[in-house]
Amino acid sequence: MWLQAVIAGVVLAGLAAAPFFLQAYSIGLLVGVASAAVLATAWAMFSGPTRYVSLATAAFYGVGAYVAAAAADSMAWPFVLVLAGAIGAVMALVVGLSTLRLAGIYFVIFSFGLAELVRQLITWYEVNITGTLGRYLFVDLQPRHILWQLLALFAVTIALSAWVHRGRIGLALRVIGDDEAVAAHCGINLARTKLLLFVASGTIITLTGAIMSPLWVYIEPAIVFDPTVSFMTVIMALLGGANRLWGPTLGAVPMFLVFEWLGANFPNHSLILLGLLFIAVVFLLPNGVLAGIDDLRRRRARA
């Protein structure tokens, strides 16, 4: 464990120093990869052990971006992030209390519809109350500043995930994922345990949206509540292994680069190819790359 922490610290320090040596395009790629790693790790923190497939990532991500756009003119940036995190936590608490008693396809459908519901509510508010649609966000932050914020958030996220994986709450979540009836008979408080991790996951995703918002300058519901964000996050986490500490990060790096390449070379077909990738990951690597490597090692050992 300590060796992993030291290696992770060295890698993060190297990435933090990278903007002083790289060109703008490379820094932009690092920002995208870092945001993808945070999203995938935060999603897997809750959905990995519980097996609740959440497609609400775009809802929290978009709310974070919109809060930043609305508050940046009147507040210092650190306070904007605190406000975004607080609103994300309250939103996750309300959504969790309302939906975490659902399971299976019902939870998937509701979580997917949540992003569209929030988008429509914000659109209605903007058009009917403020008389505009979309906001400009002018903050004196360069891509390297955004990268540093994302790296700090990733460090917090991976540390929290490690604590969950190795602690009693992680064991409780895995029991819940295997069989909720058994978990209840074991004395596990299902609602409290699931809600705690769902709020933590939603807060981190909201903060990611807020941190990334200065890159867009113009914030509009159709842009920040993109359902592609939800699907990409699921694919990245499943590719690396949602039940492994470093699995989501392992899946996020190549998947983000592949998606960028698809968007640049096949702009009209990227979503179709994304769907095919999703199907391939689910059927060929249902437990992720790391689990596949472990299975291969066991087969070789037996041979």
C-alpha atoms as a PDB file:
ATOM      1  CA  MET A   1       0.000   0.000   0.000  1.00  0.00           C
ATOM      2  CA  TRP A   2       2.747   2.443   0.960  1.00  0.00           C
ATOM      3  CA  LEU A   3       4.652   1.615  -2.224  1.00  0.00           C
ATOM      4  CA  GLN A   4       1.575   2.411  -4.303  1.00  0.00           C
ATOM      5  CA  ALA A   5       1.157   5.707  -2.433  1.00  0.00           C
ATOM      6  CA  VAL A   6       4.774   6.689  -3.077  1.00  0.00           C
ATOM      7  CA  ILE A   7       4.549   5.811  -6.786  1.00  0.00           C
ATOM      8  CA  ALA A   8       1.269   7.691  -7.111  1.00  0.00           C
ATOM      9  CA  GLY A   9       2.793  10.730  -5.395  1.00  0.00           C
ATOM     10  CA  VAL A  10       5.784  10.740  -7.741  1.00  0.00           C
ATOM     11  CA  VAL A  11       3.536  10.419 -10.812  1.00  0.00           C
ATOM     12  CA  LEU A  12       1.252  13.217  -9.627  1.00  0.00           C
ATOM     13  CA  ALA A  13       4.243  15.453  -8.915  1.00  0.00           C
ATOM     14  CA  GLY A  14       5.575  14.760 -12.418  1.00  0.00           C
ATOM     15  CA  LEU A  15       2.199  15.588 -13.984  1.00  0.00           C
ATOM     16  CA  ALA A  16       1.987  18.782 -11.929  1.00  0.00           C
ATOM     17  CA  ALA A  17       5.389  19.869 -13.273  1.00  0.00           C
ATOM     18  CA  ALA A  18       4.554  18.862 -16.873  1.00  0.00           C
ATOM     19  CA  PRO A  19       2.916  22.204 -17.888  1.00  0.00           C
ATOM     20  CA  PHE A  20       6.280  23.938 -17.530  1.00  0.00           C
ATOM     21  CA  PHE A  21       7.694  21.741 -20.314  1.00  0.00           C
ATOM     22  CA  LEU A  22       4.737  20.978 -22.611  1.00  0.00           C
ATOM     23  CA  GLN A  23       2.925  22.886 -25.332  1.00  0.00           C
ATOM     24  CA  ALA A  24      -0.667  24.075 -25.005  1.00  0.00           C
ATOM     25  CA  TYR A  25      -2.157  21.105 -26.907  1.00  0.00           C
ATOM     26  CA  SER A  26      -0.394  18.555 -24.696  1.00  0.00           C
ATOM     27  CA  ILE A  27      -1.501  20.395 -21.559  1.00  0.00           C
ATOM     28  CA  GLY A  28      -5.075  20.290 -22.877  1.00  0.00           C
ATOM     29  CA  LEU A  29      -4.814  16.521 -23.303  1.00  0.00           C
ATOM     30  CA  LEU A  30      -3.501  16.149 -19.761  1.00  0.00           C
ATOM     31  CA  VAL A  31      -6.444  18.198 -18.479  1.00  0.00           C
ATOM     32  CA  GLY A  32      -8.873  15.922 -20.331  1.00  0.00           C
ATOM     33  CA  VAL A  33      -7.197  12.755 -19.084  1.00  0.00           C
ATOM     34  CA  ALA A  34      -7.124  14.040 -15.498  1.00  0.00           C
ATOM     35  CA  SER A  35     -10.820  14.955 -15.572  1.00  0.00           C
ATOM     36  CA  ALA A  36     -11.675  11.549 -17.044  1.00  0.00           C
ATOM     37  CA  ALA A  37      -9.678   9.789 -14.323  1.00  0.00           C
ATOM     38  CA  VAL A  38     -11.456  11.750 -11.571  1.00  0.00           C
ATOM     39  CA  LEU A  39     -14.900  11.061 -13.045  1.00  0.00           C
ATOM     40  CA  ALA A  40     -14.257   7.336 -13.520  1.00  0.00           C
ATOM     41  CA  THR A  41     -12.756   6.911 -10.037  1.00  0.00           C
ATOM     42  CA  ALA A  42     -15.579   8.860  -8.365  1.00  0.00           C
ATOM     43  CA  TRP A  43     -18.214   6.859 -10.268  1.00  0.00           C
ATOM     44  CA  ALA A  44     -16.591   3.541  -9.362  1.00  0.00           C
ATOM     45  CA  MET A  45     -16.359   4.518  -5.700  1.00  0.00           C
ATOM     46  CA  PHE A  46     -20.118   4.015  -5.416  1.00  0.00           C
ATOM     47  CA  SER A  47     -21.180   1.994  -8.452  1.00  0.00           C
ATOM     48  CA  GLY A  48     -18.282  -0.478  -8.422  1.00  0.00           C
ATOM     49  CA  PRO A  49     -18.981  -2.334  -5.173  1.00  0.00           C
ATOM     50  CA  THR A  50     -22.760  -1.777  -5.111  1.00  0.00           C
ATOM     51  CA  ARG A  51     -23.282  -2.633  -8.815  1.00  0.00           C
ATOM     52  CA  TYR A  52     -25.712   0.268  -9.119  1.00  0.00           C
ATOM     53  CA  VAL A  53     -25.076   1.495 -12.676  1.00  0.00           C
ATOM     54  CA  SER A  54     -25.512   5.253 -12.404  1.00  0.00           C
ATOM     55  CA  LEU A  55     -25.953   7.362 -15.533  1.00  0.00           C
ATOM     56  CA  ALA A  56     -26.379  10.555 -13.529  1.00  0.00           C
ATOM     57  CA  THR A  57     -22.782  11.729 -14.046  1.00  0.00           C
ATOM     58  CA  ALA A  58     -23.809  14.360 -16.596  1.00  0.00           C
ATOM     59  CA  ALA A  59     -26.374  15.792 -14.145  1.00  0.00           C
ATOM     60  CA  PHE A  60     -23.811  16.464 -11.398  1.00  0.00           C
ATOM     61  CA  TYR A  61     -21.123  17.506 -13.890  1.00  0.00           C
ATOM     62  CA  GLY A  62     -23.441  20.032 -15.540  1.00  0.00           C
ATOM     63  CA  VAL A  63     -24.652  21.438 -12.228  1.00  0.00           C
ATOM     64  CA  GLY A  64     -21.044  22.048 -11.195  1.00  0.00           C
ATOM     65  CA  ALA A  65     -20.331  23.919 -14.426  1.00  0.00           C
ATOM     66  CA  TYR A  66     -23.489  26.019 -14.108  1.00  0.00           C
ATOM     67  CA  VAL A  67     -22.851  26.899 -10.467  1.00  0.00           C
ATOM     68  CA  ALA A  68     -19.361  28.064 -11.415  1.00  0.00           C
ATOM     69  CA  ALA A  69     -20.734  30.179 -14.263  1.00  0.00           C
ATOM     70  CA  ALA A  70     -23.396  31.753 -12.031  1.00  0.00           C
ATOM     71  CA  ALA A  71     -21.171  32.468  -9.036  1.00  0.00           C
ATOM     72  CA  ALA A  72     -17.777  33.320 -10.548  1.00  0.00           C
ATOM     73  CA  ASP A  73     -18.660  36.986 -11.114  1.00  0.00           C
ATOM     74  CA  SER A  74     -19.436  37.623  -7.455  1.00  0.00           C
ATOM     75  CA  MET A  75     -17.180  35.194  -5.581  1.00  0.00           C
ATOM     76  CA  ALA A  76     -13.508  34.273  -5.420  1.00  0.00           C
ATOM     77  CA  TRP A  77     -12.741  31.016  -7.207  1.00  0.00           C
ATOM     78  CA  PRO A  78     -12.040  28.915  -4.062  1.00  0.00           C
ATOM     79  CA  PHE A  79     -15.440  29.908  -2.681  1.00  0.00           C
ATOM     80  CA  VAL A  80     -17.037  29.057  -6.028  1.00  0.00           C
ATOM     81  CA  LEU A  81     -15.662  25.520  -5.716  1.00  0.00           C
ATOM     82  CA  VAL A  82     -16.884  25.250  -2.112  1.00  0.00           C
ATOM     83  CA  LEU A  83     -20.356  26.379  -3.213  1.00  0.00           C
ATOM     84  CA  ALA A  84     -20.368  23.929  -6.136  1.00  0.00           C
ATOM     85  CA  GLY A  85     -19.337  21.065  -3.870  1.00  0.00           C
ATOM     86  CA  ALA A  86     -22.008  21.956  -1.309  1.00  0.00           C
ATOM     87  CA  ILE A  87     -24.747  22.134  -3.940  1.00  0.00           C
ATOM     88  CA  GLY A  88     -23.551  18.845  -5.428  1.00  0.00           C
ATOM     89  CA  ALA A  89     -23.687  17.203  -2.005  1.00  0.00           C
ATOM     90  CA  VAL A  90     -27.220  18.480  -1.330  1.00  0.00           C
ATOM     91  CA  MET A  91     -28.366  17.384  -4.780  1.00  0.00           C
ATOM     92  CA  ALA A  92     -26.841  13.925  -4.289  1.00  0.00           C
ATOM     93  CA  LEU A  93     -28.464  13.686  -0.862  1.00  0.00           C
ATOM     94  CA  VAL A  94     -31.915  14.527  -2.258  1.00  0.00           C
ATOM     95  CA  VAL A  95     -31.518  12.204  -5.244  1.00  0.00           C
ATOM     96  CA  GLY A  96     -30.103   9.420  -3.068  1.00  0.00           C
ATOM     97  CA  LEU A  97     -32.921   9.603  -0.546  1.00  0.00           C
ATOM     98  CA  SER A  98     -35.420   9.444  -3.415  1.00  0.00           C
ATOM     99  CA  THR A  99     -33.905   6.730  -5.591  1.00  0.00           C
ATOM    100  CA  LEU A 100     -31.477   4.445  -3.766  1.00  0.00           C
ATOM    101  CA  ARG A 101     -34.330   2.162  -2.768  1.00  0.00           C
ATOM    102  CA  LEU A 102     -34.646   1.408  -6.480  1.00  0.00           C
ATOM    103  CA  ALA A 103     -32.422  -1.230  -8.020  1.00  0.00           C
ATOM    104  CA  GLY A 104     -31.494  -2.717 -11.355  1.00  0.00           C
ATOM    105  CA  ILE A 105     -32.955  -1.229 -14.508  1.00  0.00           C
ATOM    106  CA  TYR A 106     -35.205   1.148 -12.530  1.00  0.00           C
ATOM    107  CA  PHE A 107     -32.208   2.924 -11.002  1.00  0.00           C
ATOM    108  CA  VAL A 108     -30.453   3.057 -14.391  1.00  0.00           C
ATOM    109  CA  ILE A 109     -33.474   4.633 -16.078  1.00  0.00           C
ATOM    110  CA  PHE A 110     -34.005   7.208 -13.341  1.00  0.00           C
ATOM    111  CA  SER A 111     -30.334   8.181 -13.192  1.00  0.00           C
ATOM    112  CA  PHE A 112     -30.246   8.612 -16.968  1.00  0.00           C
ATOM    113  CA  GLY A 113     -33.367  10.776 -16.913  1.00  0.00           C
ATOM    114  CA  LEU A 114     -31.997  12.928 -14.090  1.00  0.00           C
ATOM    115  CA  ALA A 115     -29.564  14.774 -16.372  1.00  0.00           C
ATOM    116  CA  GLU A 116     -32.348  15.586 -18.835  1.00  0.00           C
ATOM    117  CA  LEU A 117     -34.636  16.694 -16.001  1.00  0.00           C
ATOM    118  CA  VAL A 118     -32.022  19.054 -14.566  1.00  0.00           C
ATOM    119  CA  ARG A 119     -31.177  20.375 -18.035  1.00  0.00           C
ATOM    120  CA  GLN A 120     -34.823  21.157 -18.759  1.00  0.00           C
ATOM    121  CA  LEU A 121     -35.291  22.842 -15.366  1.00  0.00           C
ATOM    122  CA  ILE A 122     -32.242  25.069 -15.858  1.00  0.00           C
ATOM    123  CA  THR A 123     -33.305  25.882 -19.423  1.00  0.00           C
ATOM    124  CA  TRP A 124     -36.775  26.875 -18.200  1.00  0.00           C
ATOM    125  CA  TYR A 125     -35.291  29.016 -15.439  1.00  0.00           C
ATOM    126  CA  GLU A 126     -32.875  30.769 -17.786  1.00  0.00           C
ATOM    127  CA  VAL A 127     -35.475  31.471 -20.479  1.00  0.00           C
ATOM    128  CA  ASN A 128     -38.366  32.468 -18.216  1.00  0.00           C
ATOM    129  CA  ILE A 129     -36.652  34.049 -15.216  1.00  0.00           C
ATOM    130  CA  THR A 130     -33.332  35.510 -16.390  1.00  0.00           C
ATOM    131  CA  GLY A 131     -34.396  35.990 -20.005  1.00  0.00           C
ATOM    132  CA  THR A 132     -31.205  34.401 -21.378  1.00  0.00           C
ATOM    133  CA  LEU A 133     -29.944  30.968 -22.287  1.00  0.00           C
ATOM    134  CA  GLY A 134     -26.350  30.306 -21.393  1.00  0.00           C
ATOM    135  CA  ARG A 135     -23.754  32.233 -19.419  1.00  0.00           C
ATOM    136  CA  TYR A 136     -20.252  33.495 -20.074  1.00  0.00           C
ATOM    137  CA  LEU A 137     -17.548  32.581 -17.603  1.00  0.00           C
ATOM    138  CA  PHE A 138     -14.439  34.757 -17.502  1.00  0.00           C
ATOM    139  CA  VAL A 139     -11.976  33.584 -14.879  1.00  0.00           C
ATOM    140  CA  ASP A 140      -8.259  34.267 -14.867  1.00  0.00           C
ATOM    141  CA  LEU A 141      -7.320  30.593 -14.909  1.00  0.00           C
ATOM    142  CA  GLN A 142      -5.037  28.998 -17.452  1.00  0.00           C
ATOM    143  CA  PRO A 143      -5.129  25.306 -18.433  1.00  0.00           C
ATOM    144  CA  ARG A 144      -2.221  24.549 -16.106  1.00  0.00           C
ATOM    145  CA  HIS A 145      -4.188  25.925 -13.149  1.00  0.00           C
ATOM    146  CA  ILE A 146      -7.118  23.695 -14.063  1.00  0.00           C
ATOM    147  CA  LEU A 147      -4.765  20.717 -14.349  1.00  0.00           C
ATOM    148  CA  TRP A 148      -3.371  21.357 -10.882  1.00  0.00           C
ATOM    149  CA  GLN A 149      -6.855  21.566  -9.402  1.00  0.00           C
ATOM    150  CA  LEU A 150      -7.850  18.306 -11.097  1.00  0.00           C
ATOM    151  CA  LEU A 151      -4.707  16.552  -9.866  1.00  0.00           C
ATOM    152  CA  ALA A 152      -5.439  17.691  -6.313  1.00  0.00           C
ATOM    153  CA  LEU A 153      -9.033  16.464  -6.634  1.00  0.00           C
ATOM    154  CA  PHE A 154      -7.808  13.156  -8.056  1.00  0.00           C
ATOM    155  CA  ALA A 155      -5.440  12.712  -5.107  1.00  0.00           C
ATOM    156  CA  VAL A 156      -8.339  13.239  -2.696  1.00  0.00           C
ATOM    157  CA  THR A 157     -10.586  10.923  -4.710  1.00  0.00           C
ATOM    158  CA  ILE A 158      -8.089   8.060  -4.933  1.00  0.00           C
ATOM    159  CA  ALA A 159      -7.269   8.411  -1.218  1.00  0.00           C
ATOM    160  CA  LEU A 160     -10.968   8.254  -0.352  1.00  0.00           C
ATOM    161  CA  SER A 161     -11.415   5.266  -2.668  1.00  0.00           C
ATOM    162  CA  ALA A 162      -8.494   3.484  -0.997  1.00  0.00           C
ATOM    163  CA  TRP A 163     -10.067   4.090   2.409  1.00  0.00           C
ATOM    164  CA  VAL A 164     -13.393   2.726   1.147  1.00  0.00           C
ATOM    165  CA  HIS A 165     -11.777  -0.339  -0.451  1.00  0.00           C
ATOM    166  CA  ARG A 166      -9.847  -1.283   2.671  1.00  0.00           C
ATOM    167  CA  GLY A 167     -12.362  -0.260   5.333  1.00  0.00           C
ATOM    168  CA  ARG A 168     -15.525  -1.697   6.826  1.00  0.00           C
ATOM    169  CA  ILE A 169     -17.689   0.504   4.627  1.00  0.00           C
ATOM    170  CA  GLY A 170     -16.124  -1.056   1.524  1.00  0.00           C
ATOM    171  CA  LEU A 171     -16.888  -4.536   2.837  1.00  0.00           C
ATOM    172  CA  ALA A 172     -20.459  -3.446   3.575  1.00  0.00           C
ATOM    173  CA  LEU A 173     -20.859  -2.088   0.049  1.00  0.00           C
ATOM    174  CA  ARG A 174     -19.559  -5.304  -1.495  1.00  0.00           C
ATOM    175  CA  VAL A 175     -22.041  -7.326   0.567  1.00  0.00           C
ATOM    176  CA  ILE A 176     -24.799  -5.000  -0.598  1.00  0.00           C
ATOM    177  CA  GLY A 177     -23.670  -5.502  -4.198  1.00  0.00           C
ATOM    178  CA  ASP A 178     -23.753  -9.290  -3.810  1.00  0.00           C
ATOM    179  CA  ASP A 179     -27.125  -9.528  -2.092  1.00  0.00           C
ATOM    180  CA  GLU A 180     -28.998  -6.737  -0.310  1.00  0.00           C
ATOM    181  CA  ALA A 181     -31.166  -9.189   1.617  1.00  0.00           C
ATOM    182  CA  VAL A 182     -28.080 -10.865   3.091  1.00  0.00           C
ATOM    183  CA  ALA A 183     -26.580  -7.446   3.863  1.00  0.00           C
ATOM    184  CA  ALA A 184     -29.721  -6.433   5.746  1.00  0.00           C
ATOM    185  CA  HIS A 185     -29.677  -9.673   7.772  1.00  0.00           C
ATOM    186  CA  CYS A 186     -26.029  -9.005   8.622  1.00  0.00           C
ATOM    187  CA  GLY A 187     -27.066  -5.765  10.304  1.00  0.00           C
ATOM    188  CA  ILE A 188     -25.779  -3.403   7.595  1.00  0.00           C
ATOM    189  CA  ASN A 189     -27.697  -0.130   7.341  1.00  0.00           C
ATOM    190  CA  LEU A 190     -28.372  -0.276   3.601  1.00  0.00           C
ATOM    191  CA  ALA A 191     -29.794   3.210   3.142  1.00  0.00           C
ATOM    192  CA  ARG A 192     -27.112   5.023   5.158  1.00  0.00           C
ATOM    193  CA  THR A 193     -24.193   3.133   3.624  1.00  0.00           C
ATOM    194  CA  LYS A 194     -25.333   3.624   0.031  1.00  0.00           C
ATOM    195  CA  LEU A 195     -26.282   7.243   0.623  1.00  0.00           C
ATOM    196  CA  LEU A 196     -22.911   8.128   2.157  1.00  0.00           C
ATOM    197  CA  LEU A 197     -20.958   6.918  -0.856  1.00  0.00           C
ATOM    198  CA  PHE A 198     -23.454   8.293  -3.365  1.00  0.00           C
ATOM    199  CA  VAL A 199     -23.124  11.763  -1.828  1.00  0.00           C
ATOM    200  CA  ALA A 200     -19.319  11.540  -1.851  1.00  0.00           C
ATOM    201  CA  SER A 201     -19.319  10.420  -5.492  1.00  0.00           C
ATOM    202  CA  GLY A 202     -21.800  13.108  -6.585  1.00  0.00           C
ATOM    203  CA  THR A 203     -19.871  15.859  -4.787  1.00  0.00           C
ATOM    204  CA  ILE A 204     -16.603  14.949  -6.507  1.00  0.00           C
ATOM    205  CA  ILE A 205     -18.258  14.792  -9.930  1.00  0.00           C
ATOM    206  CA  THR A 206     -19.874  18.208  -9.331  1.00  0.00           C
ATOM    207  CA  LEU A 207     -16.493  19.667  -8.382  1.00  0.00           C
ATOM    208  CA  THR A 208     -15.007  18.241 -11.580  1.00  0.00           C
ATOM    209  CA  GLY A 209     -17.614  20.057 -13.662  1.00  0.00           C
ATOM    210  CA  ALA A 210     -16.935  23.300 -11.799  1.00  0.00           C
ATOM    211  CA  ILE A 211     -13.170  23.014 -12.251  1.00  0.00           C
ATOM    212  CA  MET A 212     -13.504  22.266 -15.973  1.00  0.00           C
ATOM    213  CA  SER A 213     -15.997  25.077 -16.679  1.00  0.00           C
ATOM    214  CA  PRO A 214     -13.454  27.877 -17.366  1.00  0.00           C
ATOM    215  CA  LEU A 215     -12.231  25.950 -20.406  1.00  0.00           C
ATOM    216  CA  TRP A 216     -15.575  26.429 -22.167  1.00  0.00           C
ATOM    217  CA  VAL A 217     -15.996  30.165 -21.423  1.00  0.00           C
ATOM    218  CA  TYR A 218     -19.629  29.863 -22.612  1.00  0.00           C
ATOM    219  CA  ILE A 219     -21.799  27.577 -20.469  1.00  0.00           C
ATOM    220  CA  GLU A 220     -25.076  26.310 -21.931  1.00  0.00           C
ATOM    221  CA  PRO A 221     -27.334  23.413 -20.804  1.00  0.00           C
ATOM    222  CA  ALA A 222     -26.966  21.524 -24.077  1.00  0.00           C
ATOM    223  CA  ILE A 223     -23.171  21.611 -23.688  1.00  0.00           C
ATOM    224  CA  VAL A 224     -22.619  20.755 -20.033  1.00  0.00           C
ATOM    225  CA  PHE A 225     -25.445  18.211 -19.652  1.00  0.00           C
ATOM    226  CA  ASP A 226     -24.141  16.026 -22.459  1.00  0.00           C
ATOM    227  CA  PRO A 227     -25.218  12.377 -21.865  1.00  0.00           C
ATOM    228  CA  THR A 228     -21.991  11.276 -23.534  1.00  0.00           C
ATOM    229  CA  VAL A 229     -20.216  12.222 -20.298  1.00  0.00           C
ATOM    230  CA  SER A 230     -22.289   9.643 -18.394  1.00  0.00           C
ATOM    231  CA  PHE A 231     -21.672   6.847 -20.888  1.00  0.00           C
ATOM    232  CA  MET A 232     -17.976   7.614 -21.252  1.00  0.00           C
ATOM    233  CA  THR A 233     -17.533   7.512 -17.483  1.00  0.00           C
ATOM    234  CA  VAL A 234     -19.177   4.086 -17.258  1.00  0.00           C
ATOM    235  CA  ILE A 235     -17.093   2.690 -20.126  1.00  0.00           C
ATOM    236  CA  MET A 236     -13.840   3.991 -18.643  1.00  0.00           C
ATOM    237  CA  ALA A 237     -14.558   2.557 -15.194  1.00  0.00           C
ATOM    238  CA  LEU A 238     -15.678  -0.829 -16.551  1.00  0.00           C
ATOM    239  CA  LEU A 239     -12.716  -1.092 -18.931  1.00  0.00           C
ATOM    240  CA  GLY A 240     -10.137  -0.841 -16.179  1.00  0.00           C
ATOM    241  CA  GLY A 241     -12.228  -2.598 -13.551  1.00  0.00           C
ATOM    242  CA  ALA A 242     -14.747  -0.731 -11.412  1.00  0.00           C
ATOM    243  CA  ASN A 243     -13.957  -2.893  -8.361  1.00  0.00           C
ATOM    244  CA  ARG A 244     -10.223  -2.175  -8.458  1.00  0.00           C
ATOM    245  CA  LEU A 245      -8.613   0.881  -6.878  1.00  0.00           C
ATOM    246  CA  TRP A 246      -6.603   1.846  -9.960  1.00  0.00           C
ATOM    247  CA  GLY A 247      -8.903   0.177 -12.478  1.00  0.00           C
ATOM    248  CA  PRO A 248     -10.946   3.283 -13.391  1.00  0.00           C
ATOM    249  CA  THR A 249      -7.777   5.312 -13.936  1.00  0.00           C
ATOM    250  CA  LEU A 250      -6.331   2.536 -16.097  1.00  0.00           C
ATOM    251  CA  GLY A 251      -9.475   2.596 -18.203  1.00  0.00           C
ATOM    252  CA  ALA A 252      -9.806   6.387 -18.305  1.00  0.00           C
ATOM    253  CA  VAL A 253      -6.447   7.163 -19.917  1.00  0.00           C
ATOM    254  CA  PRO A 254      -6.735   5.045 -23.108  1.00  0.00           C
ATOM    255  CA  MET A 255     -10.498   5.562 -23.459  1.00  0.00           C
ATOM    256  CA  PHE A 256     -10.208   9.349 -23.343  1.00  0.00           C
ATOM    257  CA  LEU A 257      -7.452   9.316 -25.969  1.00  0.00           C
ATOM    258  CA  VAL A 258      -9.452   6.926 -28.167  1.00  0.00           C
ATOM    259  CA  PHE A 259     -12.548   9.101 -27.873  1.00  0.00           C
ATOM    260  CA  GLU A 260     -10.545  12.202 -28.778  1.00  0.00           C
ATOM    261  CA  TRP A 261      -9.176  10.410 -31.830  1.00  0.00           C
ATOM    262  CA  LEU A 262     -12.641   9.232 -32.858  1.00  0.00           C
ATOM    263  CA  GLY A 263     -14.062  12.734 -32.474  1.00  0.00           C
ATOM    264  CA  ALA A 264     -11.291  14.196 -34.634  1.00  0.00           C
ATOM    265  CA  ASN A 265     -11.356  11.557 -37.376  1.00  0.00           C
ATOM    266  CA  PHE A 266     -14.975  10.337 -37.337  1.00  0.00           C
ATOM    267  CA  PRO A 267     -17.016  13.290 -36.029  1.00  0.00           C
ATOM    268  CA  ASN A 268     -20.284  12.020 -37.538  1.00  0.00           C
ATOM    269  CA  HIS A 269     -19.879   8.453 -36.333  1.00  0.00           C
ATOM    270  CA  SER A 270     -18.135   8.843 -32.977  1.00  0.00           C
ATOM    271  CA  LEU A 271     -21.278   8.058 -30.933  1.00  0.00           C
ATOM    272  CA  ILE A 272     -21.933   4.894 -32.947  1.00  0.00           C
ATOM    273  CA  LEU A 273     -18.353   3.770 -32.390  1.00  0.00           C
ATOM    274  CA  LEU A 274     -18.671   4.679 -28.719  1.00  0.00           C
ATOM    275  CA  GLY A 275     -21.709   2.390 -28.462  1.00  0.00           C
ATOM    276  CA  LEU A 276     -19.790  -0.446 -30.090  1.00  0.00           C
ATOM    277  CA  LEU A 277     -16.929   0.075 -27.637  1.00  0.00           C
ATOM    278  CA  PHE A 278     -19.393  -0.089 -24.759  1.00  0.00           C
ATOM    279  CA  ILE A 279     -20.792  -3.402 -26.026  1.00  0.00           C
ATOM    280  CA  ALA A 280     -17.291  -4.793 -26.548  1.00  0.00           C
ATOM    281  CA  VAL A 281     -16.174  -3.856 -23.037  1.00  0.00           C
ATOM    282  CA  VAL A 282     -19.276  -5.389 -21.427  1.00  0.00           C
ATOM    283  CA  PHE A 283     -19.023  -8.674 -23.332  1.00  0.00           C
ATOM    284  CA  LEU A 284     -15.264  -9.151 -23.587  1.00  0.00           C
ATOM    285  CA  LEU A 285     -14.059  -7.601 -20.306  1.00  0.00           C
ATOM    286  CA  PRO A 286     -17.036  -7.616 -17.908  1.00  0.00           C
ATOM    287  CA  ASN A 287     -14.749  -7.305 -14.874  1.00  0.00           C
ATOM    288  CA  GLY A 288     -12.149  -5.028 -16.462  1.00  0.00           C
ATOM    289  CA  VAL A 289      -8.645  -5.338 -17.834  1.00  0.00           C
ATOM    290  CA  LEU A 290      -7.011  -5.999 -14.460  1.00  0.00           C
ATOM    291  CA  ALA A 291      -9.348  -8.908 -13.748  1.00  0.00           C
ATOM    292  CA  GLY A 292      -8.661 -10.263 -17.246  1.00  0.00           C
ATOM    293  CA  ILE A 293      -4.913 -10.131 -16.598  1.00  0.00           C
ATOM    294  CA  ASP A 294      -5.375 -11.970 -13.295  1.00  0.00           C
ATOM    295  CA  ASP A 295      -7.451 -14.669 -15.019  1.00  0.00           C
ATOM    296  CA  LEU A 296      -4.764 -15.079 -17.681  1.00  0.00           C
ATOM    297  CA  ARG A 297      -2.081 -15.488 -15.001  1.00  0.00           C
ATOM    298  CA  ARG A 298      -4.108 -18.137 -13.205  1.00  0.00           C
ATOM    299  CA  ARG A 299      -4.621 -20.080 -16.417  1.00  0.00           C
ATOM    300  CA  ARG A 300      -0.898 -20.000 -17.167  1.00  0.00           C
ATOM    301  CA  ALA A 301      -0.100 -21.112 -13.610  1.00  0.00           C
ATOM    302  CA  ARG A 302      -2.432 -24.095 -13.975  1.00  0.00           C
ATOM    303  CA  ALA A 303      -0.911 -24.997 -17.316  1.00  0.00           C
END
